[in-house]
C-alpha atoms as a PDB file:
ATOM      1  CA  MET A   1     -14.121   2.684  -8.227  1.00  0.00           C
ATOM      2  CA  ASP A   2     -10.646   4.140  -7.067  1.00  0.00           C
ATOM      3  CA  TRP A   3     -12.051   6.936  -5.421  1.00  0.00           C
ATOM      4  CA  LEU A   4     -14.749   4.687  -3.549  1.00  0.00           C
ATOM      5  CA  ILE A   5     -11.755   2.777  -2.139  1.00  0.00           C
ATOM      6  CA  ASP A   6      -9.730   5.869  -0.912  1.00  0.00           C
ATOM      7  CA  LEU A   7     -12.943   6.914   0.608  1.00  0.00           C
ATOM      8  CA  ALA A   8     -13.673   3.921   2.766  1.00  0.00           C
ATOM      9  CA  MET A   9     -10.056   3.984   3.748  1.00  0.00           C
ATOM     10  CA  MET A  10     -10.689   7.481   5.036  1.00  0.00           C
ATOM     11  CA  LEU A  11     -14.028   6.822   6.746  1.00  0.00           C
ATOM     12  CA  VAL A  12     -12.052   3.939   8.668  1.00  0.00           C
ATOM     13  CA  VAL A  13      -9.432   6.588  10.162  1.00  0.00           C
ATOM     14  CA  GLN A  14     -12.581   9.052  10.933  1.00  0.00           C
ATOM     15  CA  TYR A  15     -14.745   6.053  12.501  1.00  0.00           C
ATOM     16  CA  ASP A  16     -11.699   5.231  14.758  1.00  0.00           C
ATOM     17  CA  ARG A  17     -11.585   8.467  15.368  1.00  0.00           C
ATOM     18  CA  THR A  18     -14.755   9.959  16.278  1.00  0.00           C
ATOM     19  CA  ILE A  19     -15.606   7.778  19.437  1.00  0.00           C
ATOM     20  CA  GLU A  20     -17.382   4.811  16.269  1.00  0.00           C
ATOM     21  CA  LYS A  21     -20.337   7.017  15.708  1.00  0.00           C
ATOM     22  CA  THR A  22     -22.831   4.719  14.653  1.00  0.00           C
ATOM     23  CA  ASP A  23     -23.789   6.490  11.253  1.00  0.00           C
ATOM     24  CA  ASP A  24     -20.049   6.971  10.148  1.00  0.00           C
ATOM     25  CA  LEU A  25     -20.307   2.719  10.459  1.00  0.00           C
ATOM     26  CA  LYS A  26     -23.023   2.749   8.612  1.00  0.00           C
ATOM     27  CA  GLU A  27     -21.921   5.040   5.555  1.00  0.00           C
ATOM     28  CA  LEU A  28     -18.090   3.498   5.593  1.00  0.00           C
ATOM     29  CA  ILE A  29     -19.683   0.177   5.306  1.00  0.00           C
ATOM     30  CA  GLU A  30     -22.064   1.168   2.100  1.00  0.00           C
ATOM     31  CA  ILE A  31     -19.395   3.116   0.436  1.00  0.00           C
ATOM     32  CA  SER A  32     -17.171  -0.276   0.739  1.00  0.00           C
ATOM     33  CA  ARG A  33     -20.126  -2.399  -0.367  1.00  0.00           C
ATOM     34  CA  ASP A  34     -20.784   0.607  -3.351  1.00  0.00           C
ATOM     35  CA  ALA A  35     -16.651  -0.023  -4.073  1.00  0.00           C
ATOM     36  CA  LEU A  36     -17.013  -3.476  -4.461  1.00  0.00           C
ATOM     37  CA  ASN A  37     -20.142  -3.331  -6.444  1.00  0.00           C
ATOM     38  CA  ALA A  38     -18.364  -0.900  -9.143  1.00  0.00           C
ATOM     39  CA  THR A  39     -15.490  -3.520  -9.672  1.00  0.00           C
ATOM     40  CA  PRO A  40     -15.576  -4.999 -12.662  1.00  0.00           C
ATOM     41  CA  GLN A  41     -15.547  -8.591 -12.458  1.00  0.00           C
ATOM     42  CA  GLY A  42     -11.937 -10.020 -12.574  1.00  0.00           C
ATOM     43  CA  HIS A  43     -10.748  -6.515 -11.793  1.00  0.00           C
ATOM     44  CA  LEU A  44      -7.273  -6.273  -9.440  1.00  0.00           C
ATOM     45  CA  ASP A  45      -8.688  -4.135  -7.225  1.00  0.00           C
ATOM     46  CA  GLY A  46     -12.142  -6.515  -6.657  1.00  0.00           C
ATOM     47  CA  VAL A  47      -9.938  -8.301  -4.101  1.00  0.00           C
ATOM     48  CA  VAL A  48      -9.107  -5.192  -2.235  1.00  0.00           C
ATOM     49  CA  CYS A  49     -12.150  -4.141  -2.088  1.00  0.00           C
ATOM     50  CA  LEU A  50     -13.694  -8.259  -1.045  1.00  0.00           C
ATOM     51  CA  ASP A  51     -11.179  -7.854   1.637  1.00  0.00           C
ATOM     52  CA  GLY A  52     -11.463  -4.346   2.891  1.00  0.00           C
ATOM     53  CA  LEU A  53     -14.923  -4.807   3.268  1.00  0.00           C
ATOM     54  CA  GLY A  54     -14.725  -8.162   4.689  1.00  0.00           C
ATOM     55  CA  GLY A  55     -12.301  -6.842   7.364  1.00  0.00           C
ATOM     56  CA  ASN A  56     -14.153  -3.664   7.763  1.00  0.00           C
ATOM     57  CA  LEU A  57     -17.457  -5.694   8.711  1.00  0.00           C
ATOM     58  CA  GLU A  58     -15.252  -7.917  11.115  1.00  0.00           C
ATOM     59  CA  ARG A  59     -13.146  -5.491  12.867  1.00  0.00           C
ATOM     60  CA  LEU A  60     -15.819  -2.618  13.090  1.00  0.00           C
ATOM     61  CA  LEU A  61     -19.437  -3.971  12.480  1.00  0.00           C
ATOM     62  CA  TYR A  62     -19.175  -7.573  14.315  1.00  0.00           C
ATOM     63  CA  LYS A  63     -17.136  -6.412  16.972  1.00  0.00           C
ATOM     64  CA  ARG A  64     -19.666  -3.703  18.217  1.00  0.00           C
ATOM     65  CA  THR A  65     -22.872  -5.722  17.552  1.00  0.00           C
ATOM     66  CA  ASN A  66     -21.835  -9.312  18.119  1.00  0.00           C
ATOM     67  CA  ASP A  67     -24.037 -10.156  15.068  1.00  0.00           C
ATOM     68  CA  PRO A  68     -22.985 -13.830  13.372  1.00  0.00           C
ATOM     69  CA  ASP A  69     -24.481 -13.119  10.396  1.00  0.00           C
ATOM     70  CA  VAL A  70     -21.719  -9.832  10.285  1.00  0.00           C
ATOM     71  CA  LEU A  71     -19.099 -12.444  10.923  1.00  0.00           C
ATOM     72  CA  GLN A  72     -20.184 -15.262   8.292  1.00  0.00           C
ATOM     73  CA  GLU A  73     -20.645 -12.491   5.941  1.00  0.00           C
ATOM     74  CA  ALA A  74     -16.805 -11.357   6.768  1.00  0.00           C
ATOM     75  CA  ILE A  75     -15.706 -15.275   6.048  1.00  0.00           C
ATOM     76  CA  THR A  76     -17.730 -15.431   2.655  1.00  0.00           C
ATOM     77  CA  LEU A  77     -15.948 -12.476   1.224  1.00  0.00           C
ATOM     78  CA  ALA A  78     -12.621 -13.691   2.602  1.00  0.00           C
ATOM     79  CA  ARG A  79     -13.492 -16.705   0.957  1.00  0.00           C
ATOM     80  CA  GLN A  80     -13.932 -14.962  -2.295  1.00  0.00           C
ATOM     81  CA  ALA A  81     -10.827 -13.097  -1.568  1.00  0.00           C
ATOM     82  CA  ILE A  82      -8.641 -16.374  -1.522  1.00  0.00           C
ATOM     83  CA  GLU A  83     -10.189 -17.183  -4.619  1.00  0.00           C
ATOM     84  CA  ALA A  84      -9.800 -14.418  -6.387  1.00  0.00           C
ATOM     85  CA  ARG A  85      -5.893 -14.429  -6.888  1.00  0.00           C
ATOM     86  CA  PRO A  86      -3.083 -16.934  -8.013  1.00  0.00           C
ATOM     87  CA  GLN A  87      -2.456 -19.770  -5.424  1.00  0.00           C
ATOM     88  CA  GLY A  88       0.728 -18.318  -3.795  1.00  0.00           C
ATOM     89  CA  HIS A  89       0.032 -14.678  -4.621  1.00  0.00           C
ATOM     90  CA  ALA A  90       1.158 -12.583  -1.711  1.00  0.00           C
ATOM     91  CA  TYR A  91      -2.135 -11.087  -1.577  1.00  0.00           C
ATOM     92  CA  GLN A  92      -3.553 -14.388  -1.171  1.00  0.00           C
ATOM     93  CA  ILE A  93      -1.391 -15.278   1.645  1.00  0.00           C
ATOM     94  CA  ALA A  94      -2.339 -12.402   3.710  1.00  0.00           C
ATOM     95  CA  CYS A  95      -6.418 -13.261   2.760  1.00  0.00           C
ATOM     96  CA  SER A  96      -6.072 -16.432   3.805  1.00  0.00           C
ATOM     97  CA  MET A  97      -4.554 -15.264   7.404  1.00  0.00           C
ATOM     98  CA  ASP A  98      -7.310 -13.019   7.721  1.00  0.00           C
ATOM     99  CA  LEU A  99      -9.631 -16.118   6.973  1.00  0.00           C
ATOM    100  CA  ALA A 100      -8.167 -17.915   9.791  1.00  0.00           C
ATOM    101  CA  ASN A 101      -8.756 -15.384  12.069  1.00  0.00           C
ATOM    102  CA  LYS A 102     -12.187 -14.889  11.400  1.00  0.00           C
ATOM    103  CA  LEU A 103     -12.906 -18.644  11.759  1.00  0.00           C
ATOM    104  CA  SER A 104     -11.146 -18.420  14.787  1.00  0.00           C
ATOM    105  CA  LEU A 105     -13.768 -15.521  16.279  1.00  0.00           C
ATOM    106  CA  CYS A 106     -16.611 -17.248  14.791  1.00  0.00           C
ATOM    107  CA  HIS A 107     -15.269 -20.297  17.105  1.00  0.00           C
ATOM    108  CA  GLU A 108     -15.181 -18.074  19.608  1.00  0.00           C
ATOM    109  CA  LEU A 109     -18.920 -16.924  18.934  1.00  0.00           C
ATOM    110  CA  THR A 110     -20.400 -20.395  18.236  1.00  0.00           C
ATOM    111  CA  GLY A 111     -17.865 -22.794  20.095  1.00  0.00           C
ATOM    112  CA  GLU A 112     -18.150 -24.998  16.577  1.00  0.00           C
ATOM    113  CA  GLU A 113     -14.843 -27.181  16.323  1.00  0.00           C
ATOM    114  CA  HIS A 114     -15.223 -26.890  12.516  1.00  0.00           C
ATOM    115  CA  GLY A 115     -14.220 -23.574  12.292  1.00  0.00           C
ATOM    116  CA  LEU A 116     -11.477 -23.917  14.704  1.00  0.00           C
ATOM    117  CA  ARG A 117      -9.758 -26.808  12.744  1.00  0.00           C
ATOM    118  CA  GLU A 118      -9.784 -24.745   9.577  1.00  0.00           C
ATOM    119  CA  ALA A 119      -8.325 -21.616  11.230  1.00  0.00           C
ATOM    120  CA  ILE A 120      -5.748 -24.031  12.634  1.00  0.00           C
ATOM    121  CA  GLY A 121      -5.303 -25.464   9.069  1.00  0.00           C
ATOM    122  CA  ILE A 122      -4.638 -22.483   7.112  1.00  0.00           C
ATOM    123  CA  ALA A 123      -1.837 -21.417   9.806  1.00  0.00           C
ATOM    124  CA  GLU A 124      -0.230 -24.591   9.493  1.00  0.00           C
ATOM    125  CA  TRP A 125      -0.409 -24.299   5.590  1.00  0.00           C
ATOM    126  CA  LEU A 126       0.674 -20.558   5.884  1.00  0.00           C
ATOM    127  CA  VAL A 127       3.707 -22.031   8.292  1.00  0.00           C
ATOM    128  CA  GLU A 128       4.543 -25.200   6.337  1.00  0.00           C
ATOM    129  CA  LYS A 129       4.119 -22.801   2.729  1.00  0.00           C
ATOM    130  CA  HIS A 130       6.193 -20.193   3.920  1.00  0.00           C
END
């Protein structure tokens, strides 16, 4: 599973450097999903895979397609990454800010106030706690 995570990270670099070829993006997302699926439930790499796939969906696929379903999947993965770590864990904090950013993007796309209020609440919680 570690090699799948490493391969996904290398494909991100390749995608960024190859004028964003669609085939590279599809392969990157597929390998990110494979890495997540190959990770045993509760394994530490699971959070890395959840966060990596969610980030790839948001940063690469959503920003290319503006597909709201892709963004919703990225939000779901961010929530799962947060839930997979103990309260206050450093990685949970980073995942929380990622979620806030994704919710803010969702607000920009849909205009729904709920996502923006949740994003602001997360950011305020992070400021308050840290």
